[in-house]
Amino acid sequence: MTAMEWFSPSPDRYAARLAAIERKLDLIMAHLGIEEPEPTLPPQAVQELVAGRKIAAIKAYRQATGVGLREAKDAVEAYERRGR
């Protein structure tokens, strides 16, 4: 094991630390009565969704935001569930 490997945290350690920070942030937000805002869709994604083209809406969301497929799908489906 090199000195660099010894002192560099592993990706698992980063993930655990991030999860702990997110839990603390959730507790702080709940304590202060702050709710996370609902995501909005870019206009092009909304147009595609209204036209019944869900896959095209997901693609438009990805292009506009730069997020991955899973996050875009979740955002479009959440918007759809809210009945917008």
PDB file of N, CA and C in Angstrom:
ATOM      1  N   MET A   1       0.844  -1.176   0.000  1.00  0.00           N
ATOM      2  CA  MET A   1       0.000   0.000   0.000  1.00  0.00           C
ATOM      3  C   MET A   1       0.892   1.243   0.000  1.00  0.00           C
ATOM      4  N   THR A   2       0.614   2.160  -0.903  1.00  0.00           N
ATOM      5  CA  THR A   2       1.404   3.382  -0.980  1.00  0.00           C
ATOM      6  C   THR A   2       0.894   4.391   0.041  1.00  0.00           C
ATOM      7  N   ALA A   3       1.677   5.407   0.278  1.00  0.00           N
ATOM      8  CA  ALA A   3       1.283   6.461   1.220  1.00  0.00           C
ATOM      9  C   ALA A   3       0.017   7.164   0.731  1.00  0.00           C
ATOM     10  N   MET A   4      -0.094   7.333  -0.577  1.00  0.00           N
ATOM     11  CA  MET A   4      -1.272   8.002  -1.138  1.00  0.00           C
ATOM     12  C   MET A   4      -2.528   7.174  -0.886  1.00  0.00           C
ATOM     13  N   GLU A   5      -2.432   5.859  -1.054  1.00  0.00           N
ATOM     14  CA  GLU A   5      -3.576   4.990  -0.799  1.00  0.00           C
ATOM     15  C   GLU A   5      -3.946   4.999   0.679  1.00  0.00           C
ATOM     16  N   TRP A   6      -2.957   5.112   1.534  1.00  0.00           N
ATOM     17  CA  TRP A   6      -3.188   5.096   2.973  1.00  0.00           C
ATOM     18  C   TRP A   6      -3.994   6.308   3.430  1.00  0.00           C
ATOM     19  N   PHE A   7      -3.699   7.461   2.866  1.00  0.00           N
ATOM     20  CA  PHE A   7      -4.340   8.699   3.305  1.00  0.00           C
ATOM     21  C   PHE A   7      -5.565   9.096   2.483  1.00  0.00           C
ATOM     22  N   SER A   8      -5.793   8.462   1.349  1.00  0.00           N
ATOM     23  CA  SER A   8      -6.940   8.800   0.506  1.00  0.00           C
ATOM     24  C   SER A   8      -8.168   8.008   0.941  1.00  0.00           C
ATOM     25  N   PRO A   9      -9.243   8.703   1.259  1.00  0.00           N
ATOM     26  CA  PRO A   9     -10.473   7.995   1.623  1.00  0.00           C
ATOM     27  C   PRO A   9     -11.030   7.220   0.431  1.00  0.00           C
ATOM     28  N   SER A  10     -11.673   6.113   0.695  1.00  0.00           N
ATOM     29  CA  SER A  10     -12.261   5.299  -0.372  1.00  0.00           C
ATOM     30  C   SER A  10     -13.586   5.919  -0.818  1.00  0.00           C
ATOM     31  N   PRO A  11     -14.037   5.541  -2.013  1.00  0.00           N
ATOM     32  CA  PRO A  11     -15.343   6.034  -2.484  1.00  0.00           C
ATOM     33  C   PRO A  11     -16.479   5.663  -1.527  1.00  0.00           C
ATOM     34  N   ASP A  12     -16.380   4.494  -0.895  1.00  0.00           N
ATOM     35  CA  ASP A  12     -17.409   4.088   0.064  1.00  0.00           C
ATOM     36  C   ASP A  12     -17.449   5.048   1.247  1.00  0.00           C
ATOM     37  N   ARG A  13     -16.296   5.495   1.659  1.00  0.00           N
ATOM     38  CA  ARG A  13     -16.243   6.434   2.780  1.00  0.00           C
ATOM     39  C   ARG A  13     -16.871   7.771   2.392  1.00  0.00           C
ATOM     40  N   TYR A  14     -16.622   8.203   1.161  1.00  0.00           N
ATOM     41  CA  TYR A  14     -17.248   9.442   0.676  1.00  0.00           C
ATOM     42  C   TYR A  14     -18.773   9.294   0.633  1.00  0.00           C
ATOM     43  N   ALA A  15     -19.242   8.146   0.161  1.00  0.00           N
ATOM     44  CA  ALA A  15     -20.684   7.916   0.069  1.00  0.00           C
ATOM     45  C   ALA A  15     -21.318   7.913   1.460  1.00  0.00           C
ATOM     46  N   ALA A  16     -20.657   7.293   2.421  1.00  0.00           N
ATOM     47  CA  ALA A  16     -21.179   7.262   3.786  1.00  0.00           C
ATOM     48  C   ALA A  16     -21.206   8.666   4.377  1.00  0.00           C
ATOM     49  N   ARG A  17     -20.162   9.425   4.136  1.00  0.00           N
ATOM     50  CA  ARG A  17     -20.101  10.797   4.653  1.00  0.00           C
ATOM     51  C   ARG A  17     -21.183  11.663   4.026  1.00  0.00           C
ATOM     52  N   LEU A  18     -21.385  11.521   2.728  1.00  0.00           N
ATOM     53  CA  LEU A  18     -22.423  12.284   2.043  1.00  0.00           C
ATOM     54  C   LEU A  18     -23.802  11.923   2.577  1.00  0.00           C
ATOM     55  N   ALA A  19     -24.047  10.638   2.798  1.00  0.00           N
ATOM     56  CA  ALA A  19     -25.342  10.205   3.337  1.00  0.00           C
ATOM     57  C   ALA A  19     -25.577  10.805   4.722  1.00  0.00           C
ATOM     58  N   ALA A  20     -24.535  10.859   5.548  1.00  0.00           N
ATOM     59  CA  ALA A  20     -24.663  11.441   6.891  1.00  0.00           C
ATOM     60  C   ALA A  20     -24.974  12.935   6.804  1.00  0.00           C
ATOM     61  N   ILE A  21     -24.315  13.638   5.902  1.00  0.00           N
ATOM     62  CA  ILE A  21     -24.560  15.074   5.726  1.00  0.00           C
ATOM     63  C   ILE A  21     -25.988  15.312   5.241  1.00  0.00           C
ATOM     64  N   GLU A  22     -26.452  14.486   4.306  1.00  0.00           N
ATOM     65  CA  GLU A  22     -27.823  14.646   3.801  1.00  0.00           C
ATOM     66  C   GLU A  22     -28.849  14.401   4.906  1.00  0.00           C
ATOM     67  N   ARG A  23     -28.620  13.408   5.768  1.00  0.00           N
ATOM     68  CA  ARG A  23     -29.539  13.157   6.891  1.00  0.00           C
ATOM     69  C   ARG A  23     -29.583  14.360   7.825  1.00  0.00           C
ATOM     70  N   LYS A  24     -28.431  14.933   8.110  1.00  0.00           N
ATOM     71  CA  LYS A  24     -28.379  16.106   8.992  1.00  0.00           C
ATOM     72  C   LYS A  24     -29.104  17.290   8.357  1.00  0.00           C
ATOM     73  N   LEU A  25     -28.906  17.475   7.075  1.00  0.00           N
ATOM     74  CA  LEU A  25     -29.576  18.568   6.372  1.00  0.00           C
ATOM     75  C   LEU A  25     -31.088  18.375   6.392  1.00  0.00           C
ATOM     76  N   ASP A  26     -31.541  17.135   6.195  1.00  0.00           N
ATOM     77  CA  ASP A  26     -32.980  16.848   6.265  1.00  0.00           C
ATOM     78  C   ASP A  26     -33.533  17.194   7.644  1.00  0.00           C
ATOM     79  N   LEU A  27     -32.804  16.856   8.701  1.00  0.00           N
ATOM     80  CA  LEU A  27     -33.247  17.174  10.054  1.00  0.00           C
ATOM     81  C   LEU A  27     -33.316  18.685  10.290  1.00  0.00           C
ATOM     82  N   ILE A  28     -32.323  19.397   9.808  1.00  0.00           N
ATOM     83  CA  ILE A  28     -32.304  20.859   9.961  1.00  0.00           C
ATOM     84  C   ILE A  28     -33.484  21.472   9.211  1.00  0.00           C
ATOM     85  N   MET A  29     -33.718  21.014   7.983  1.00  0.00           N
ATOM     86  CA  MET A  29     -34.831  21.552   7.194  1.00  0.00           C
ATOM     87  C   MET A  29     -36.166  21.264   7.869  1.00  0.00           C
ATOM     88  N   ALA A  30     -36.319  20.066   8.415  1.00  0.00           N
ATOM     89  CA  ALA A  30     -37.558  19.718   9.113  1.00  0.00           C
ATOM     90  C   ALA A  30     -37.727  20.584  10.354  1.00  0.00           C
ATOM     91  N   HIS A  31     -36.660  20.810  11.088  1.00  0.00           N
ATOM     92  CA  HIS A  31     -36.714  21.628  12.299  1.00  0.00           C
ATOM     93  C   HIS A  31     -37.122  23.066  11.982  1.00  0.00           C
ATOM     94  N   LEU A  32     -36.629  23.578  10.877  1.00  0.00           N
ATOM     95  CA  LEU A  32     -36.928  24.959  10.484  1.00  0.00           C
ATOM     96  C   LEU A  32     -38.231  25.077   9.687  1.00  0.00           C
ATOM     97  N   GLY A  33     -38.851  23.944   9.386  1.00  0.00           N
ATOM     98  CA  GLY A  33     -40.098  23.976   8.626  1.00  0.00           C
ATOM     99  C   GLY A  33     -39.902  24.297   7.154  1.00  0.00           C
ATOM    100  N   ILE A  34     -38.740  23.967   6.634  1.00  0.00           N
ATOM    101  CA  ILE A  34     -38.435  24.238   5.229  1.00  0.00           C
ATOM    102  C   ILE A  34     -38.713  22.980   4.419  1.00  0.00           C
ATOM    103  N   GLU A  35     -39.493  23.116   3.357  1.00  0.00           N
ATOM    104  CA  GLU A  35     -39.766  21.992   2.474  1.00  0.00           C
ATOM    105  C   GLU A  35     -38.963  22.150   1.196  1.00  0.00           C
ATOM    106  N   GLU A  36     -38.500  21.034   0.687  1.00  0.00           N
ATOM    107  CA  GLU A  36     -37.749  21.050  -0.562  1.00  0.00           C
ATOM    108  C   GLU A  36     -38.705  21.419  -1.694  1.00  0.00           C
ATOM    109  N   PRO A  37     -38.340  22.365  -2.541  1.00  0.00           N
ATOM    110  CA  PRO A  37     -39.247  22.763  -3.625  1.00  0.00           C
ATOM    111  C   PRO A  37     -39.441  21.626  -4.621  1.00  0.00           C
ATOM    112  N   GLU A  38     -40.637  21.562  -5.177  1.00  0.00           N
ATOM    113  CA  GLU A  38     -40.916  20.558  -6.194  1.00  0.00           C
ATOM    114  C   GLU A  38     -40.179  20.924  -7.472  1.00  0.00           C
ATOM    115  N   PRO A  39     -39.607  19.923  -8.128  1.00  0.00           N
ATOM    116  CA  PRO A  39     -38.885  20.236  -9.366  1.00  0.00           C
ATOM    117  C   PRO A  39     -39.849  20.688 -10.460  1.00  0.00           C
ATOM    118  N   THR A  40     -39.374  21.579 -11.279  1.00  0.00           N
ATOM    119  CA  THR A  40     -40.168  22.033 -12.418  1.00  0.00           C
ATOM    120  C   THR A  40     -39.541  21.462 -13.685  1.00  0.00           C
ATOM    121  N   LEU A  41     -40.324  21.377 -14.714  1.00  0.00           N
ATOM    122  CA  LEU A  41     -39.825  20.856 -15.979  1.00  0.00           C
ATOM    123  C   LEU A  41     -39.562  22.006 -16.940  1.00  0.00           C
ATOM    124  N   PRO A  42     -38.541  21.849 -17.763  1.00  0.00           N
ATOM    125  CA  PRO A  42     -38.310  22.844 -18.818  1.00  0.00           C
ATOM    126  C   PRO A  42     -39.511  22.866 -19.764  1.00  0.00           C
ATOM    127  N   PRO A  43     -39.795  23.999 -20.381  1.00  0.00           N
ATOM    128  CA  PRO A  43     -40.973  24.130 -21.256  1.00  0.00           C
ATOM    129  C   PRO A  43     -41.047  23.065 -22.349  1.00  0.00           C
ATOM    130  N   GLN A  44     -39.921  22.722 -22.952  1.00  0.00           N
ATOM    131  CA  GLN A  44     -39.928  21.714 -24.025  1.00  0.00           C
ATOM    132  C   GLN A  44     -40.374  20.349 -23.487  1.00  0.00           C
ATOM    133  N   ALA A  45     -39.932  20.008 -22.281  1.00  0.00           N
ATOM    134  CA  ALA A  45     -40.325  18.732 -21.668  1.00  0.00           C
ATOM    135  C   ALA A  45     -41.821  18.728 -21.362  1.00  0.00           C
ATOM    136  N   VAL A  46     -42.335  19.859 -20.905  1.00  0.00           N
ATOM    137  CA  VAL A  46     -43.775  19.962 -20.617  1.00  0.00           C
ATOM    138  C   VAL A  46     -44.572  19.785 -21.902  1.00  0.00           C
ATOM    139  N   GLN A  47     -44.136  20.430 -22.981  1.00  0.00           N
ATOM    140  CA  GLN A  47     -44.835  20.309 -24.261  1.00  0.00           C
ATOM    141  C   GLN A  47     -44.879  18.861 -24.728  1.00  0.00           C
ATOM    142  N   GLU A  48     -43.765  18.166 -24.593  1.00  0.00           N
ATOM    143  CA  GLU A  48     -43.714  16.762 -25.008  1.00  0.00           C
ATOM    144  C   GLU A  48     -44.637  15.907 -24.144  1.00  0.00           C
ATOM    145  N   LEU A  49     -44.659  16.170 -22.861  1.00  0.00           N
ATOM    146  CA  LEU A  49     -45.496  15.399 -21.951  1.00  0.00           C
ATOM    147  C   LEU A  49     -46.981  15.636 -22.228  1.00  0.00           C
ATOM    148  N   VAL A  50     -47.339  16.883 -22.471  1.00  0.00           N
ATOM    149  CA  VAL A  50     -48.739  17.222 -22.785  1.00  0.00           C
ATOM    150  C   VAL A  50     -49.167  16.540 -24.085  1.00  0.00           C
ATOM    151  N   ALA A  51     -48.235  16.408 -25.014  1.00  0.00           N
ATOM    152  CA  ALA A  51     -48.535  15.762 -26.297  1.00  0.00           C
ATOM    153  C   ALA A  51     -48.547  14.236 -26.178  1.00  0.00           C
ATOM    154  N   GLY A  52     -48.288  13.724 -24.969  1.00  0.00           N
ATOM    155  CA  GLY A  52     -48.319  12.283 -24.760  1.00  0.00           C
ATOM    156  C   GLY A  52     -47.037  11.570 -25.118  1.00  0.00           C
ATOM    157  N   ARG A  53     -45.959  12.318 -25.264  1.00  0.00           N
ATOM    158  CA  ARG A  53     -44.672  11.725 -25.627  1.00  0.00           C
ATOM    159  C   ARG A  53     -43.742  11.736 -24.412  1.00  0.00           C
ATOM    160  N   LYS A  54     -43.940  10.778 -23.536  1.00  0.00           N
ATOM    161  CA  LYS A  54     -43.200  10.719 -22.274  1.00  0.00           C
ATOM    162  C   LYS A  54     -41.692  10.522 -22.492  1.00  0.00           C
ATOM    163  N   ILE A  55     -41.327   9.651 -23.396  1.00  0.00           N
ATOM    164  CA  ILE A  55     -39.902   9.410 -23.650  1.00  0.00           C
ATOM    165  C   ILE A  55     -39.243  10.667 -24.200  1.00  0.00           C
ATOM    166  N   ALA A  56     -39.933  11.358 -25.088  1.00  0.00           N
ATOM    167  CA  ALA A  56     -39.396  12.615 -25.625  1.00  0.00           C
ATOM    168  C   ALA A  56     -39.287  13.669 -24.517  1.00  0.00           C
ATOM    169  N   ALA A  57     -40.226  13.654 -23.557  1.00  0.00           N
ATOM    170  CA  ALA A  57     -40.169  14.591 -22.434  1.00  0.00           C
ATOM    171  C   ALA A  57     -38.952  14.306 -21.565  1.00  0.00           C
ATOM    172  N   ILE A  58     -38.668  13.034 -21.347  1.00  0.00           N
ATOM    173  CA  ILE A  58     -37.493  12.652 -20.561  1.00  0.00           C
ATOM    174  C   ILE A  58     -36.227  13.090 -21.288  1.00  0.00           C
ATOM    175  N   LYS A  59     -36.189  12.878 -22.580  1.00  0.00           N
ATOM    176  CA  LYS A  59     -35.024  13.285 -23.384  1.00  0.00           C
ATOM    177  C   LYS A  59     -34.841  14.803 -23.333  1.00  0.00           C
ATOM    178  N   ALA A  60     -35.940  15.544 -23.461  1.00  0.00           N
ATOM    179  CA  ALA A  60     -35.869  17.008 -23.410  1.00  0.00           C
ATOM    180  C   ALA A  60     -35.383  17.476 -22.042  1.00  0.00           C
ATOM    181  N   TYR A  61     -35.843  16.812 -20.987  1.00  0.00           N
ATOM    182  CA  TYR A  61     -35.409  17.160 -19.633  1.00  0.00           C
ATOM    183  C   TYR A  61     -33.907  16.919 -19.481  1.00  0.00           C
ATOM    184  N   ARG A  62     -33.435  15.788 -19.986  1.00  0.00           N
ATOM    185  CA  ARG A  62     -32.006  15.478 -19.908  1.00  0.00           C
ATOM    186  C   ARG A  62     -31.169  16.501 -20.653  1.00  0.00           C
ATOM    187  N   GLN A  63     -31.624  16.874 -21.838  1.00  0.00           N
ATOM    188  CA  GLN A  63     -30.876  17.842 -22.641  1.00  0.00           C
ATOM    189  C   GLN A  63     -30.828  19.208 -21.962  1.00  0.00           C
ATOM    190  N   ALA A  64     -31.923  19.601 -21.337  1.00  0.00           N
ATOM    191  CA  ALA A  64     -31.995  20.920 -20.716  1.00  0.00           C
ATOM    192  C   ALA A  64     -31.234  20.987 -19.396  1.00  0.00           C
ATOM    193  N   THR A  65     -31.179  19.873 -18.671  1.00  0.00           N
ATOM    194  CA  THR A  65     -30.588  19.909 -17.329  1.00  0.00           C
ATOM    195  C   THR A  65     -29.240  19.214 -17.214  1.00  0.00           C
ATOM    196  N   GLY A  66     -28.968  18.276 -18.116  1.00  0.00           N
ATOM    197  CA  GLY A  66     -27.707  17.549 -18.054  1.00  0.00           C
ATOM    198  C   GLY A  66     -27.697  16.410 -17.042  1.00  0.00           C
ATOM    199  N   VAL A  67     -28.863  16.030 -16.527  1.00  0.00           N
ATOM    200  CA  VAL A  67     -28.927  14.944 -15.544  1.00  0.00           C
ATOM    201  C   VAL A  67     -28.942  13.590 -16.249  1.00  0.00           C
ATOM    202  N   GLY A  68     -28.817  12.536 -15.482  1.00  0.00           N
ATOM    203  CA  GLY A  68     -28.846  11.188 -16.017  1.00  0.00           C
ATOM    204  C   GLY A  68     -30.256  10.724 -16.328  1.00  0.00           C
ATOM    205  N   LEU A  69     -30.335   9.557 -16.952  1.00  0.00           N
ATOM    206  CA  LEU A  69     -31.620   9.013 -17.371  1.00  0.00           C
ATOM    207  C   LEU A  69     -32.554   8.776 -16.189  1.00  0.00           C
ATOM    208  N   ARG A  70     -32.050   8.181 -15.119  1.00  0.00           N
ATOM    209  CA  ARG A  70     -32.895   7.850 -13.960  1.00  0.00           C
ATOM    210  C   ARG A  70     -33.484   9.108 -13.323  1.00  0.00           C
ATOM    211  N   GLU A  71     -32.647  10.125 -13.129  1.00  0.00           N
ATOM    212  CA  GLU A  71     -33.125  11.361 -12.509  1.00  0.00           C
ATOM    213  C   GLU A  71     -34.141  12.070 -13.403  1.00  0.00           C
ATOM    214  N   ALA A  72     -33.905  12.058 -14.704  1.00  0.00           N
ATOM    215  CA  ALA A  72     -34.844  12.692 -15.634  1.00  0.00           C
ATOM    216  C   ALA A  72     -36.181  11.953 -15.629  1.00  0.00           C
ATOM    217  N   LYS A  73     -36.133  10.636 -15.649  1.00  0.00           N
ATOM    218  CA  LYS A  73     -37.360   9.828 -15.622  1.00  0.00           C
ATOM    219  C   LYS A  73     -38.135  10.093 -14.339  1.00  0.00           C
ATOM    220  N   ASP A  74     -37.433  10.131 -13.209  1.00  0.00           N
ATOM    221  CA  ASP A  74     -38.090  10.398 -11.929  1.00  0.00           C
ATOM    222  C   ASP A  74     -38.738  11.777 -11.909  1.00  0.00           C
ATOM    223  N   ALA A  75     -38.051  12.775 -12.454  1.00  0.00           N
ATOM    224  CA  ALA A  75     -38.580  14.137 -12.461  1.00  0.00           C
ATOM    225  C   ALA A  75     -39.827  14.239 -13.331  1.00  0.00           C
ATOM    226  N   VAL A  76     -39.786  13.634 -14.513  1.00  0.00           N
ATOM    227  CA  VAL A  76     -40.933  13.686 -15.422  1.00  0.00           C
ATOM    228  C   VAL A  76     -42.116  12.939 -14.818  1.00  0.00           C
ATOM    229  N   GLU A  77     -41.861  11.784 -14.225  1.00  0.00           N
ATOM    230  CA  GLU A  77     -42.950  11.020 -13.614  1.00  0.00           C
ATOM    231  C   GLU A  77     -43.530  11.732 -12.389  1.00  0.00           C
ATOM    232  N   ALA A  78     -42.689  12.399 -11.608  1.00  0.00           N
ATOM    233  CA  ALA A  78     -43.184  13.165 -10.455  1.00  0.00           C
ATOM    234  C   ALA A  78     -44.071  14.310 -10.939  1.00  0.00           C
ATOM    235  N   TYR A  79     -43.658  14.973 -11.989  1.00  0.00           N
ATOM    236  CA  TYR A  79     -44.446  16.058 -12.566  1.00  0.00           C
ATOM    237  C   TYR A  79     -45.786  15.516 -13.059  1.00  0.00           C
ATOM    238  N   GLU A  80     -45.745  14.358 -13.679  1.00  0.00           N
ATOM    239  CA  GLU A  80     -46.948  13.714 -14.202  1.00  0.00           C
ATOM    240  C   GLU A  80     -47.902  13.334 -13.064  1.00  0.00           C
ATOM    241  N   ARG A  81     -47.367  12.825 -11.955  1.00  0.00           N
ATOM    242  CA  ARG A  81     -48.192  12.440 -10.812  1.00  0.00           C
ATOM    243  C   ARG A  81     -48.864  13.633 -10.164  1.00  0.00           C
ATOM    244  N   ARG A  82     -48.198  14.778 -10.182  1.00  0.00           N
ATOM    245  CA  ARG A  82     -48.782  15.984  -9.593  1.00  0.00           C
ATOM    246  C   ARG A  82     -49.928  16.511 -10.451  1.00  0.00           C
ATOM    247  N   GLY A  83     -50.066  15.955 -11.654  1.00  0.00           N
ATOM    248  CA  GLY A  83     -51.191  16.326 -12.511  1.00  0.00           C
ATOM    249  C   GLY A  83     -51.058  17.696 -13.134  1.00  0.00           C
ATOM    250  N   ARG A  84     -49.873  18.066 -13.442  1.00  0.00           N
ATOM    251  CA  ARG A  84     -49.671  19.397 -14.037  1.00  0.00           C
ATOM    252  C   ARG A  84     -49.932  19.382 -15.502  1.00  0.00           C
TER     253      ARG A  84
END
